[in-house]
Structures are given as C-alpha cells and as structure tokens.
Amino acid sequence: MSNLIEDLFHGNLRLDESIHPEQEEYQEINRQISDLMQDYKTQLTDNEYDALEQLIDLIGQSTSMYVEAAFEQGFRTGGRLMIEVLAKP
C-alpha cells in the first residue's frame, strides 16, 4: 500500500488521471462529440475547423480551471468539517 504523504511529497498524486465518471451517458456524450467533430471536419474549411478547435481548447482550459477551483473549495470545506468534528468533545 502506498503512503499518501510520500506520494504527495514526490509529486506522484495525479488525481485528475483517476477520474472516471460513472454515468452511463458519459461514454455516449463523448461518442456524440467525436461524431460531431468528424462531421465538422468534413463540412468546414480548414480555417473554420482550426477556429472551432481553438474555441474548444479554450473551453477546455476554462473548464479545467473551474474544476481545479471546485476541488480546492471542496478540499478546504472537508478540512474545515474535520476540524469542527474533531474539536467538539
């Protein structure tokens, strides 16, 4: 069994790599996205498709920043909850 503190110290914790949504719709949505992107690739000019990819990349960056902030907020809330629970006799 690995040591969480050691993994954290050595930078071995990659929580984002272990996230696998359990909703059945997740795989279907990703398939639909892939199909739509393939359709756009054939219908749009190269410049239009590049612009679409740039937009999608920016949305991905924005979403990643939001998820990171949500994770931090949840982690802090959990820490405060533990402090409150342990502080009460």
C-alpha atoms as a PDB file:
ATOM      1  CA  MET A   1       0.000   0.000   0.000  1.00  0.00           C
ATOM      2  CA  SER A   2       1.370   3.413  -0.917  1.00  0.00           C
ATOM      3  CA  ASN A   3       1.866   6.205   1.572  1.00  0.00           C
ATOM      4  CA  LEU A   4      -0.309   9.189   0.679  1.00  0.00           C
ATOM      5  CA  ILE A   5       2.023  11.723   2.298  1.00  0.00           C
ATOM      6  CA  GLU A   6       5.054  10.319   0.455  1.00  0.00           C
ATOM      7  CA  ASP A   7       3.139  10.271  -2.825  1.00  0.00           C
ATOM      8  CA  LEU A   8       2.154  13.890  -2.265  1.00  0.00           C
ATOM      9  CA  PHE A   9       5.745  14.888  -1.450  1.00  0.00           C
ATOM     10  CA  HIS A  10       7.175  13.133  -4.510  1.00  0.00           C
ATOM     11  CA  GLY A  11       4.520  14.509  -6.850  1.00  0.00           C
ATOM     12  CA  ASN A  12       3.053  11.079  -7.521  1.00  0.00           C
ATOM     13  CA  LEU A  13      -0.533  12.119  -6.864  1.00  0.00           C
ATOM     14  CA  ARG A  14      -2.351  12.686 -10.136  1.00  0.00           C
ATOM     15  CA  LEU A  15      -5.964  12.699  -9.028  1.00  0.00           C
ATOM     16  CA  ASP A  16      -7.113  14.019 -12.387  1.00  0.00           C
ATOM     17  CA  GLU A  17      -5.873  10.819 -14.040  1.00  0.00           C
ATOM     18  CA  SER A  18      -8.078   8.627 -11.872  1.00  0.00           C
ATOM     19  CA  ILE A  19     -11.372  10.384 -12.569  1.00  0.00           C
ATOM     20  CA  HIS A  20     -13.767   8.157 -14.482  1.00  0.00           C
ATOM     21  CA  PRO A  21     -17.382   9.374 -14.486  1.00  0.00           C
ATOM     22  CA  GLU A  22     -19.763   6.533 -13.724  1.00  0.00           C
ATOM     23  CA  GLN A  23     -22.817   7.866 -15.525  1.00  0.00           C
ATOM     24  CA  GLU A  24     -23.805   5.692 -18.474  1.00  0.00           C
ATOM     25  CA  GLU A  25     -24.417   8.813 -20.538  1.00  0.00           C
ATOM     26  CA  TYR A  26     -20.760   9.881 -20.279  1.00  0.00           C
ATOM     27  CA  GLN A  27     -19.472   7.487 -22.937  1.00  0.00           C
ATOM     28  CA  GLU A  28     -22.424   8.258 -25.198  1.00  0.00           C
ATOM     29  CA  ILE A  29     -21.859  12.001 -24.911  1.00  0.00           C
ATOM     30  CA  ASN A  30     -18.174  11.571 -25.769  1.00  0.00           C
ATOM     31  CA  ARG A  31     -19.110   9.456 -28.776  1.00  0.00           C
ATOM     32  CA  GLN A  32     -21.527  12.157 -29.935  1.00  0.00           C
ATOM     33  CA  ILE A  33     -18.847  14.822 -29.524  1.00  0.00           C
ATOM     34  CA  SER A  34     -16.425  12.743 -31.578  1.00  0.00           C
ATOM     35  CA  ASP A  35     -19.027  12.180 -34.307  1.00  0.00           C
ATOM     36  CA  LEU A  36     -19.895  15.887 -34.452  1.00  0.00           C
ATOM     37  CA  MET A  37     -16.246  16.884 -34.646  1.00  0.00           C
ATOM     38  CA  GLN A  38     -15.732  14.458 -37.510  1.00  0.00           C
ATOM     39  CA  ASP A  39     -18.766  15.970 -39.284  1.00  0.00           C
ATOM     40  CA  TYR A  40     -17.403  19.491 -38.768  1.00  0.00           C
ATOM     41  CA  LYS A  41     -14.018  18.424 -40.118  1.00  0.00           C
ATOM     42  CA  THR A  42     -15.616  17.402 -43.404  1.00  0.00           C
ATOM     43  CA  GLN A  43     -18.046  20.343 -43.624  1.00  0.00           C
ATOM     44  CA  LEU A  44     -15.868  23.282 -42.593  1.00  0.00           C
ATOM     45  CA  THR A  45     -12.890  24.817 -44.291  1.00  0.00           C
ATOM     46  CA  ASP A  46      -9.511  24.185 -42.693  1.00  0.00           C
ATOM     47  CA  ASN A  47      -9.501  27.718 -41.211  1.00  0.00           C
ATOM     48  CA  GLU A  48     -13.015  27.346 -39.823  1.00  0.00           C
ATOM     49  CA  TYR A  49     -12.195  23.955 -38.318  1.00  0.00           C
ATOM     50  CA  ASP A  50      -8.989  25.342 -36.770  1.00  0.00           C
ATOM     51  CA  ALA A  51     -11.037  28.173 -35.229  1.00  0.00           C
ATOM     52  CA  LEU A  52     -13.514  25.628 -33.832  1.00  0.00           C
ATOM     53  CA  GLU A  53     -10.670  23.591 -32.334  1.00  0.00           C
ATOM     54  CA  GLN A  54      -9.216  26.750 -30.790  1.00  0.00           C
ATOM     55  CA  LEU A  55     -12.611  27.552 -29.223  1.00  0.00           C
ATOM     56  CA  ILE A  56     -12.909  24.015 -27.849  1.00  0.00           C
ATOM     57  CA  ASP A  57      -9.371  24.217 -26.425  1.00  0.00           C
ATOM     58  CA  LEU A  58     -10.209  27.496 -24.667  1.00  0.00           C
ATOM     59  CA  ILE A  59     -13.410  25.996 -23.251  1.00  0.00           C
ATOM     60  CA  GLY A  60     -11.354  23.034 -22.010  1.00  0.00           C
ATOM     61  CA  GLN A  61      -8.839  25.334 -20.314  1.00  0.00           C
ATOM     62  CA  SER A  62     -11.632  27.317 -18.681  1.00  0.00           C
ATOM     63  CA  THR A  63     -13.353  24.144 -17.501  1.00  0.00           C
ATOM     64  CA  SER A  64     -10.086  22.787 -16.073  1.00  0.00           C
ATOM     65  CA  MET A  65      -9.576  25.993 -14.081  1.00  0.00           C
ATOM     66  CA  TYR A  66     -13.148  25.819 -12.763  1.00  0.00           C
ATOM     67  CA  VAL A  67     -12.779  22.149 -11.769  1.00  0.00           C
ATOM     68  CA  GLU A  68      -9.489  22.925 -10.011  1.00  0.00           C
ATOM     69  CA  ALA A  69     -11.130  25.740  -8.042  1.00  0.00           C
ATOM     70  CA  ALA A  70     -14.084  23.476  -7.179  1.00  0.00           C
ATOM     71  CA  PHE A  71     -11.692  20.758  -5.980  1.00  0.00           C
ATOM     72  CA  GLU A  72      -9.795  23.233  -3.803  1.00  0.00           C
ATOM     73  CA  GLN A  73     -13.037  24.568  -2.331  1.00  0.00           C
ATOM     74  CA  GLY A  74     -14.292  21.047  -1.605  1.00  0.00           C
ATOM     75  CA  PHE A  75     -10.985  20.055  -0.049  1.00  0.00           C
ATOM     76  CA  ARG A  76     -10.964  23.136   2.183  1.00  0.00           C
ATOM     77  CA  THR A  77     -14.584  22.535   3.180  1.00  0.00           C
ATOM     78  CA  GLY A  78     -13.739  18.915   4.064  1.00  0.00           C
ATOM     79  CA  GLY A  79     -10.770  20.095   6.133  1.00  0.00           C
ATOM     80  CA  ARG A  80     -12.892  22.621   7.998  1.00  0.00           C
ATOM     81  CA  LEU A  81     -15.507  19.934   8.592  1.00  0.00           C
ATOM     82  CA  MET A  82     -12.874  17.605  10.075  1.00  0.00           C
ATOM     83  CA  ILE A  83     -11.574  20.393  12.336  1.00  0.00           C
ATOM     84  CA  GLU A  84     -15.099  21.108  13.548  1.00  0.00           C
ATOM     85  CA  VAL A  85     -15.846  17.414  14.133  1.00  0.00           C
ATOM     86  CA  LEU A  86     -12.592  16.795  15.998  1.00  0.00           C
ATOM     87  CA  ALA A  87     -12.861  19.994  18.061  1.00  0.00           C
ATOM     88  CA  LYS A  88     -16.183  19.014  19.617  1.00  0.00           C
ATOM     89  CA  PRO A  89     -15.980  16.796  22.711  1.00  0.00           C
END
